[in-house]
Amino acid sequence: MEQWVTDHDDETVIVVSAEEFRAAAEQALDELGLTYAELEQQARQRDFSSAQAHALWVSIGGTVDL
């Protein structure tokens, strides 16, 4: 994992590998008790089981194939 500081004092960019991103997505899904397919279905229906599920979709939707 890499970390960069931007021109703004309050912004930090964290760079992760594809493997790290996938592992984090899997962990977040596990914590919500959802599969990626279930989360994807919630997105299609625009009916998320929680605010956390919606936020996760905004973060990972369409970016991983789990």
PDB file of N, CA and C in Angstrom:
ATOM      1  N   MET A   1       0.850  -1.162   0.000  1.00  0.00           N
ATOM      2  CA  MET A   1       0.000   0.000   0.000  1.00  0.00           C
ATOM      3  C   MET A   1       0.901   1.231   0.000  1.00  0.00           C
ATOM      4  N   GLU A   2       0.501   2.198  -0.784  1.00  0.00           N
ATOM      5  CA  GLU A   2       1.214   3.459  -0.904  1.00  0.00           C
ATOM      6  C   GLU A   2       0.338   4.571  -0.380  1.00  0.00           C
ATOM      7  N   GLN A   3       0.940   5.620   0.087  1.00  0.00           N
ATOM      8  CA  GLN A   3       0.167   6.763   0.539  1.00  0.00           C
ATOM      9  C   GLN A   3       0.801   8.018  -0.010  1.00  0.00           C
ATOM     10  N   TRP A   4      -0.005   8.887  -0.579  1.00  0.00           N
ATOM     11  CA  TRP A   4       0.470  10.144  -1.134  1.00  0.00           C
ATOM     12  C   TRP A   4      -0.210  11.294  -0.437  1.00  0.00           C
ATOM     13  N   VAL A   5       0.475  12.391  -0.327  1.00  0.00           N
ATOM     14  CA  VAL A   5      -0.109  13.613   0.196  1.00  0.00           C
ATOM     15  C   VAL A   5      -0.326  14.532  -0.995  1.00  0.00           C
ATOM     16  N   THR A   6      -1.476  15.186  -1.025  1.00  0.00           N
ATOM     17  CA  THR A   6      -1.796  16.086  -2.129  1.00  0.00           C
ATOM     18  C   THR A   6      -1.377  17.503  -1.782  1.00  0.00           C
ATOM     19  N   ASP A   7      -1.696  18.419  -2.660  1.00  0.00           N
ATOM     20  CA  ASP A   7      -1.391  19.833  -2.426  1.00  0.00           C
ATOM     21  C   ASP A   7      -2.211  20.427  -1.285  1.00  0.00           C
ATOM     22  N   HIS A   8      -3.270  19.730  -0.907  1.00  0.00           N
ATOM     23  CA  HIS A   8      -4.132  20.203   0.164  1.00  0.00           C
ATOM     24  C   HIS A   8      -3.745  19.488   1.455  1.00  0.00           C
ATOM     25  N   ASP A   9      -3.626  20.229   2.525  1.00  0.00           N
ATOM     26  CA  ASP A   9      -3.181  19.670   3.799  1.00  0.00           C
ATOM     27  C   ASP A   9      -4.078  18.569   4.336  1.00  0.00           C
ATOM     28  N   ASP A  10      -5.365  18.622   4.020  1.00  0.00           N
ATOM     29  CA  ASP A  10      -6.306  17.675   4.608  1.00  0.00           C
ATOM     30  C   ASP A  10      -6.649  16.501   3.685  1.00  0.00           C
ATOM     31  N   GLU A  11      -5.915  16.321   2.592  1.00  0.00           N
ATOM     32  CA  GLU A  11      -6.202  15.229   1.669  1.00  0.00           C
ATOM     33  C   GLU A  11      -5.026  14.258   1.581  1.00  0.00           C
ATOM     34  N   THR A  12      -5.348  12.988   1.633  1.00  0.00           N
ATOM     35  CA  THR A  12      -4.360  11.934   1.471  1.00  0.00           C
ATOM     36  C   THR A  12      -4.924  10.927   0.480  1.00  0.00           C
ATOM     37  N   VAL A  13      -4.104  10.470  -0.432  1.00  0.00           N
ATOM     38  CA  VAL A  13      -4.500   9.455  -1.398  1.00  0.00           C
ATOM     39  C   VAL A  13      -3.805   8.161  -1.018  1.00  0.00           C
ATOM     40  N   ILE A  14      -4.586   7.090  -0.861  1.00  0.00           N
ATOM     41  CA  ILE A  14      -4.025   5.783  -0.549  1.00  0.00           C
ATOM     42  C   ILE A  14      -4.143   4.918  -1.793  1.00  0.00           C
ATOM     43  N   VAL A  15      -3.039   4.368  -2.219  1.00  0.00           N
ATOM     44  CA  VAL A  15      -3.002   3.541  -3.415  1.00  0.00           C
ATOM     45  C   VAL A  15      -2.832   2.089  -2.989  1.00  0.00           C
ATOM     46  N   VAL A  16      -3.737   1.224  -3.467  1.00  0.00           N
ATOM     47  CA  VAL A  16      -3.672  -0.195  -3.135  1.00  0.00           C
ATOM     48  C   VAL A  16      -3.562  -1.011  -4.418  1.00  0.00           C
ATOM     49  N   SER A  17      -3.059  -2.209  -4.284  1.00  0.00           N
ATOM     50  CA  SER A  17      -2.974  -3.104  -5.436  1.00  0.00           C
ATOM     51  C   SER A  17      -4.361  -3.680  -5.738  1.00  0.00           C
ATOM     52  N   ALA A  18      -4.505  -4.282  -6.884  1.00  0.00           N
ATOM     53  CA  ALA A  18      -5.770  -4.918  -7.259  1.00  0.00           C
ATOM     54  C   ALA A  18      -6.140  -6.007  -6.261  1.00  0.00           C
ATOM     55  N   GLU A  19      -5.149  -6.741  -5.801  1.00  0.00           N
ATOM     56  CA  GLU A  19      -5.400  -7.807  -4.828  1.00  0.00           C
ATOM     57  C   GLU A  19      -5.883  -7.246  -3.496  1.00  0.00           C
ATOM     58  N   GLU A  20      -5.266  -6.150  -3.058  1.00  0.00           N
ATOM     59  CA  GLU A  20      -5.676  -5.516  -1.811  1.00  0.00           C
ATOM     60  C   GLU A  20      -7.097  -4.957  -1.926  1.00  0.00           C
ATOM     61  N   PHE A  21      -7.416  -4.373  -3.072  1.00  0.00           N
ATOM     62  CA  PHE A  21      -8.751  -3.826  -3.302  1.00  0.00           C
ATOM     63  C   PHE A  21      -9.791  -4.939  -3.262  1.00  0.00           C
ATOM     64  N   ARG A  22      -9.498  -6.042  -3.939  1.00  0.00           N
ATOM     65  CA  ARG A  22     -10.415  -7.182  -3.975  1.00  0.00           C
ATOM     66  C   ARG A  22     -10.626  -7.754  -2.563  1.00  0.00           C
ATOM     67  N   ALA A  23      -9.546  -7.891  -1.810  1.00  0.00           N
ATOM     68  CA  ALA A  23      -9.645  -8.416  -0.448  1.00  0.00           C
ATOM     69  C   ALA A  23     -10.482  -7.486   0.434  1.00  0.00           C
ATOM     70  N   ALA A  24     -10.301  -6.195   0.280  1.00  0.00           N
ATOM     71  CA  ALA A  24     -11.079  -5.232   1.062  1.00  0.00           C
ATOM     72  C   ALA A  24     -12.555  -5.293   0.683  1.00  0.00           C
ATOM     73  N   ALA A  25     -12.841  -5.441  -0.609  1.00  0.00           N
ATOM     74  CA  ALA A  25     -14.230  -5.564  -1.063  1.00  0.00           C
ATOM     75  C   ALA A  25     -14.866  -6.826  -0.497  1.00  0.00           C
ATOM     76  N   GLU A  26     -14.146  -7.932  -0.541  1.00  0.00           N
ATOM     77  CA  GLU A  26     -14.662  -9.191   0.010  1.00  0.00           C
ATOM     78  C   GLU A  26     -14.925  -9.063   1.512  1.00  0.00           C
ATOM     79  N   GLN A  27     -14.020  -8.420   2.228  1.00  0.00           N
ATOM     80  CA  GLN A  27     -14.186  -8.238   3.668  1.00  0.00           C
ATOM     81  C   GLN A  27     -15.409  -7.372   3.956  1.00  0.00           C
ATOM     82  N   ALA A  28     -15.584  -6.304   3.200  1.00  0.00           N
ATOM     83  CA  ALA A  28     -16.735  -5.424   3.409  1.00  0.00           C
ATOM     84  C   ALA A  28     -18.043  -6.169   3.137  1.00  0.00           C
ATOM     85  N   LEU A  29     -18.064  -6.983   2.087  1.00  0.00           N
ATOM     86  CA  LEU A  29     -19.253  -7.784   1.798  1.00  0.00           C
ATOM     87  C   LEU A  29     -19.532  -8.762   2.930  1.00  0.00           C
ATOM     88  N   ASP A  30     -18.481  -9.416   3.415  1.00  0.00           N
ATOM     89  CA  ASP A  30     -18.632 -10.356   4.529  1.00  0.00           C
ATOM     90  C   ASP A  30     -19.209  -9.664   5.761  1.00  0.00           C
ATOM     91  N   GLU A  31     -18.707  -8.466   6.048  1.00  0.00           N
ATOM     92  CA  GLU A  31     -19.183  -7.727   7.217  1.00  0.00           C
ATOM     93  C   GLU A  31     -20.662  -7.365   7.095  1.00  0.00           C
ATOM     94  N   LEU A  32     -21.125  -7.161   5.852  1.00  0.00           N
ATOM     95  CA  LEU A  32     -22.540  -6.848   5.619  1.00  0.00           C
ATOM     96  C   LEU A  32     -23.390  -8.107   5.472  1.00  0.00           C
ATOM     97  N   GLY A  33     -22.736  -9.257   5.378  1.00  0.00           N
ATOM     98  CA  GLY A  33     -23.471 -10.503   5.199  1.00  0.00           C
ATOM     99  C   GLY A  33     -24.077 -10.629   3.821  1.00  0.00           C
ATOM    100  N   LEU A  34     -23.417 -10.051   2.817  1.00  0.00           N
ATOM    101  CA  LEU A  34     -23.912 -10.060   1.444  1.00  0.00           C
ATOM    102  C   LEU A  34     -22.891 -10.667   0.497  1.00  0.00           C
ATOM    103  N   THR A  35     -23.387 -11.215  -0.591  1.00  0.00           N
ATOM    104  CA  THR A  35     -22.505 -11.584  -1.690  1.00  0.00           C
ATOM    105  C   THR A  35     -22.480 -10.409  -2.665  1.00  0.00           C
ATOM    106  N   TYR A  36     -21.514 -10.423  -3.566  1.00  0.00           N
ATOM    107  CA  TYR A  36     -21.469  -9.357  -4.572  1.00  0.00           C
ATOM    108  C   TYR A  36     -22.730  -9.398  -5.425  1.00  0.00           C
ATOM    109  N   ALA A  37     -23.191 -10.599  -5.767  1.00  0.00           N
ATOM    110  CA  ALA A  37     -24.402 -10.745  -6.584  1.00  0.00           C
ATOM    111  C   ALA A  37     -25.611 -10.138  -5.873  1.00  0.00           C
ATOM    112  N   GLU A  38     -25.714 -10.345  -4.574  1.00  0.00           N
ATOM    113  CA  GLU A  38     -26.825  -9.762  -3.813  1.00  0.00           C
ATOM    114  C   GLU A  38     -26.740  -8.235  -3.803  1.00  0.00           C
ATOM    115  N   LEU A  39     -25.540  -7.723  -3.610  1.00  0.00           N
ATOM    116  CA  LEU A  39     -25.359  -6.275  -3.618  1.00  0.00           C
ATOM    117  C   LEU A  39     -25.688  -5.705  -4.996  1.00  0.00           C
ATOM    118  N   GLU A  40     -25.262  -6.391  -6.029  1.00  0.00           N
ATOM    119  CA  GLU A  40     -25.541  -5.967  -7.400  1.00  0.00           C
ATOM    120  C   GLU A  40     -27.056  -5.950  -7.660  1.00  0.00           C
ATOM    121  N   GLN A  41     -27.764  -6.955  -7.159  1.00  0.00           N
ATOM    122  CA  GLN A  41     -29.211  -7.019  -7.310  1.00  0.00           C
ATOM    123  C   GLN A  41     -29.880  -5.854  -6.584  1.00  0.00           C
ATOM    124  N   GLN A  42     -29.403  -5.533  -5.399  1.00  0.00           N
ATOM    125  CA  GLN A  42     -29.940  -4.392  -4.660  1.00  0.00           C
ATOM    126  C   GLN A  42     -29.739  -3.112  -5.468  1.00  0.00           C
ATOM    127  N   ALA A  43     -28.591  -2.989  -6.112  1.00  0.00           N
ATOM    128  CA  ALA A  43     -28.317  -1.806  -6.928  1.00  0.00           C
ATOM    129  C   ALA A  43     -29.267  -1.744  -8.123  1.00  0.00           C
ATOM    130  N   ARG A  44     -29.491  -2.874  -8.772  1.00  0.00           N
ATOM    131  CA  ARG A  44     -30.416  -2.909  -9.910  1.00  0.00           C
ATOM    132  C   ARG A  44     -31.819  -2.470  -9.489  1.00  0.00           C
ATOM    133  N   GLN A  45     -32.233  -2.913  -8.319  1.00  0.00           N
ATOM    134  CA  GLN A  45     -33.567  -2.590  -7.814  1.00  0.00           C
ATOM    135  C   GLN A  45     -33.622  -1.231  -7.113  1.00  0.00           C
ATOM    136  N   ARG A  46     -32.446  -0.649  -6.924  1.00  0.00           N
ATOM    137  CA  ARG A  46     -32.320   0.621  -6.188  1.00  0.00           C
ATOM    138  C   ARG A  46     -32.991   0.528  -4.820  1.00  0.00           C
ATOM    139  N   ASP A  47     -32.742  -0.618  -4.182  1.00  0.00           N
ATOM    140  CA  ASP A  47     -33.322  -0.892  -2.873  1.00  0.00           C
ATOM    141  C   ASP A  47     -32.258  -1.593  -2.020  1.00  0.00           C
ATOM    142  N   PHE A  48     -31.442  -0.788  -1.350  1.00  0.00           N
ATOM    143  CA  PHE A  48     -30.337  -1.323  -0.572  1.00  0.00           C
ATOM    144  C   PHE A  48     -30.798  -1.715   0.824  1.00  0.00           C
ATOM    145  N   SER A  49     -30.206  -2.758   1.358  1.00  0.00           N
ATOM    146  CA  SER A  49     -30.576  -3.256   2.683  1.00  0.00           C
ATOM    147  C   SER A  49     -30.108  -2.331   3.801  1.00  0.00           C
ATOM    148  N   SER A  50     -29.162  -1.456   3.507  1.00  0.00           N
ATOM    149  CA  SER A  50     -28.662  -0.513   4.511  1.00  0.00           C
ATOM    150  C   SER A  50     -27.898   0.610   3.825  1.00  0.00           C
ATOM    151  N   ALA A  51     -27.651   1.658   4.579  1.00  0.00           N
ATOM    152  CA  ALA A  51     -26.837   2.760   4.066  1.00  0.00           C
ATOM    153  C   ALA A  51     -25.419   2.276   3.775  1.00  0.00           C
ATOM    154  N   GLN A  52     -24.940   1.325   4.588  1.00  0.00           N
ATOM    155  CA  GLN A  52     -23.596   0.782   4.380  1.00  0.00           C
ATOM    156  C   GLN A  52     -23.526  -0.001   3.059  1.00  0.00           C
ATOM    157  N   ALA A  53     -24.588  -0.737   2.742  1.00  0.00           N
ATOM    158  CA  ALA A  53     -24.622  -1.479   1.476  1.00  0.00           C
ATOM    159  C   ALA A  53     -24.604  -0.507   0.304  1.00  0.00           C
ATOM    160  N   HIS A  54     -25.360   0.570   0.410  1.00  0.00           N
ATOM    161  CA  HIS A  54     -25.370   1.567  -0.654  1.00  0.00           C
ATOM    162  C   HIS A  54     -23.992   2.204  -0.813  1.00  0.00           C
ATOM    163  N   ALA A  55     -23.369   2.559   0.301  1.00  0.00           N
ATOM    164  CA  ALA A  55     -22.035   3.164   0.251  1.00  0.00           C
ATOM    165  C   ALA A  55     -21.017   2.202  -0.349  1.00  0.00           C
ATOM    166  N   LEU A  56     -21.141   0.922  -0.019  1.00  0.00           N
ATOM    167  CA  LEU A  56     -20.220  -0.059  -0.583  1.00  0.00           C
ATOM    168  C   LEU A  56     -20.405  -0.153  -2.092  1.00  0.00           C
ATOM    169  N   TRP A  57     -21.659  -0.146  -2.558  1.00  0.00           N
ATOM    170  CA  TRP A  57     -21.894  -0.208  -3.996  1.00  0.00           C
ATOM    171  C   TRP A  57     -21.291   1.009  -4.696  1.00  0.00           C
ATOM    172  N   VAL A  58     -21.450   2.172  -4.086  1.00  0.00           N
ATOM    173  CA  VAL A  58     -20.857   3.380  -4.660  1.00  0.00           C
ATOM    174  C   VAL A  58     -19.341   3.213  -4.759  1.00  0.00           C
ATOM    175  N   SER A  59     -18.752   2.543  -3.793  1.00  0.00           N
ATOM    176  CA  SER A  59     -17.296   2.354  -3.773  1.00  0.00           C
ATOM    177  C   SER A  59     -16.797   1.289  -4.724  1.00  0.00           C
ATOM    178  N   ILE A  60     -17.532   0.160  -4.824  1.00  0.00           N
ATOM    179  CA  ILE A  60     -16.991  -0.973  -5.589  1.00  0.00           C
ATOM    180  C   ILE A  60     -17.854  -1.418  -6.756  1.00  0.00           C
ATOM    181  N   GLY A  61     -19.053  -0.872  -6.883  1.00  0.00           N
ATOM    182  CA  GLY A  61     -19.969  -1.345  -7.914  1.00  0.00           C
ATOM    183  C   GLY A  61     -19.359  -1.314  -9.308  1.00  0.00           C
ATOM    184  N   GLY A  62     -19.352  -2.483  -9.948  1.00  0.00           N
ATOM    185  CA  GLY A  62     -18.836  -2.593 -11.298  1.00  0.00           C
ATOM    186  C   GLY A  62     -17.332  -2.635 -11.423  1.00  0.00           C
ATOM    187  N   THR A  63     -16.620  -2.596 -10.297  1.00  0.00           N
ATOM    188  CA  THR A  63     -15.158  -2.552 -10.374  1.00  0.00           C
ATOM    189  C   THR A  63     -14.508  -3.907 -10.108  1.00  0.00           C
ATOM    190  N   VAL A  64     -15.250  -4.831  -9.510  1.00  0.00           N
ATOM    191  CA  VAL A  64     -14.708  -6.146  -9.206  1.00  0.00           C
ATOM    192  C   VAL A  64     -15.681  -7.214  -9.670  1.00  0.00           C
ATOM    193  N   ASP A  65     -15.188  -8.386  -9.899  1.00  0.00           N
ATOM    194  CA  ASP A  65     -16.038  -9.503 -10.295  1.00  0.00           C
ATOM    195  C   ASP A  65     -15.909 -10.568  -9.212  1.00  0.00           C
ATOM    196  N   LEU A  66     -16.789 -10.485  -8.224  1.00  0.00           N
ATOM    197  CA  LEU A  66     -16.696 -11.407  -7.090  1.00  0.00           C
ATOM    198  C   LEU A  66     -17.794 -12.429  -7.162  1.00  0.00           C
TER     199      LEU A  66
END
